[in-house]
């Protein structure tokens, strides 16, 4: 039987502002996914799409997007 320590990957606890939480709730409703699943998909997409966040509102595209 697998326990939490044997599952590959990891987990994080994130505290969201009320505004960000509301945006995530609305997005999850539109997609039909749970809020947790929506957050996971969006985080994965963001990390693949942008290599870095230089500052709030400024992003660097990933190296694969620049080719």
Protein backbone atom coordinates (compact mmCIF):
# COMPACT_ATOMS: atom_id res chain seq x y z
CA UNK A 1 0.00 0.00 0.00
CA UNK A 2 1.39 3.41 -1.00
CA UNK A 3 1.71 6.14 1.57
CA UNK A 4 2.26 9.88 1.08
CA UNK A 5 6.06 9.51 1.26
CA UNK A 6 6.14 6.97 -1.58
CA UNK A 7 4.17 9.10 -4.05
CA UNK A 8 6.40 10.71 -6.67
CA UNK A 9 6.28 14.47 -7.04
CA UNK A 10 5.41 16.78 -4.24
CA UNK A 11 2.85 19.11 -2.81
CA UNK A 12 2.79 22.72 -1.70
CA UNK A 13 0.51 24.79 0.47
CA UNK A 14 -0.24 28.17 -1.08
CA UNK A 15 -2.07 31.07 0.54
CA UNK A 16 -4.04 33.04 -2.05
CA UNK A 17 -5.43 36.54 -1.87
CA UNK A 18 -9.21 36.77 -1.95
CA UNK A 19 -9.04 38.09 -5.52
CA UNK A 20 -6.76 35.29 -6.74
CA UNK A 21 -8.88 32.68 -5.00
CA UNK A 22 -12.01 34.06 -6.66
CA UNK A 23 -10.33 33.98 -10.08
CA UNK A 24 -9.32 30.36 -9.47
CA UNK A 25 -12.84 29.42 -8.33
CA UNK A 26 -14.35 31.01 -11.46
CA UNK A 27 -11.80 29.30 -13.70
CA UNK A 28 -12.42 25.91 -12.12
CA UNK A 29 -16.17 26.31 -12.60
CA UNK A 30 -15.73 27.19 -16.27
CA UNK A 31 -13.47 24.21 -16.86
CA UNK A 32 -15.50 21.75 -14.77
CA UNK A 33 -12.40 20.83 -12.75
CA UNK A 34 -11.86 20.96 -9.01
CA UNK A 35 -10.07 24.03 -7.69
CA UNK A 36 -7.05 21.89 -6.78
CA UNK A 37 -6.86 20.34 -10.25
CA UNK A 38 -7.25 23.76 -11.89
CA UNK A 39 -4.44 25.20 -9.76
CA UNK A 40 -2.17 22.25 -10.62
CA UNK A 41 -2.79 22.56 -14.36
CA UNK A 42 -2.30 26.33 -14.33
CA UNK A 43 0.91 26.11 -12.28
CA UNK A 44 2.35 23.44 -14.59
CA UNK A 45 1.43 25.50 -17.66
CA UNK A 46 2.97 28.65 -16.21
CA UNK A 47 6.22 26.92 -15.27
CA UNK A 48 6.51 25.39 -18.76
CA UNK A 49 5.62 28.63 -20.55
CA UNK A 50 7.81 31.07 -18.67
CA UNK A 51 11.40 30.45 -17.64
CA UNK A 52 11.40 33.25 -15.10
CA UNK A 53 9.40 36.07 -13.58
CA UNK A 54 11.64 39.12 -13.55
CA UNK A 55 9.07 41.18 -11.71
CA UNK A 56 5.34 41.24 -11.30
CA UNK A 57 3.84 41.63 -14.74
CA UNK A 58 7.10 40.95 -16.62
CA UNK A 59 7.83 37.49 -17.91
CA UNK A 60 10.50 35.79 -19.93
CA UNK A 61 9.26 33.18 -22.37
CA UNK A 62 10.85 29.77 -22.02
CA UNK A 63 13.83 29.03 -24.25
CA UNK A 64 11.78 26.61 -26.34
CA UNK A 65 9.31 29.39 -27.22
CA UNK A 66 12.08 31.66 -28.51
CA UNK A 67 13.40 29.24 -31.12
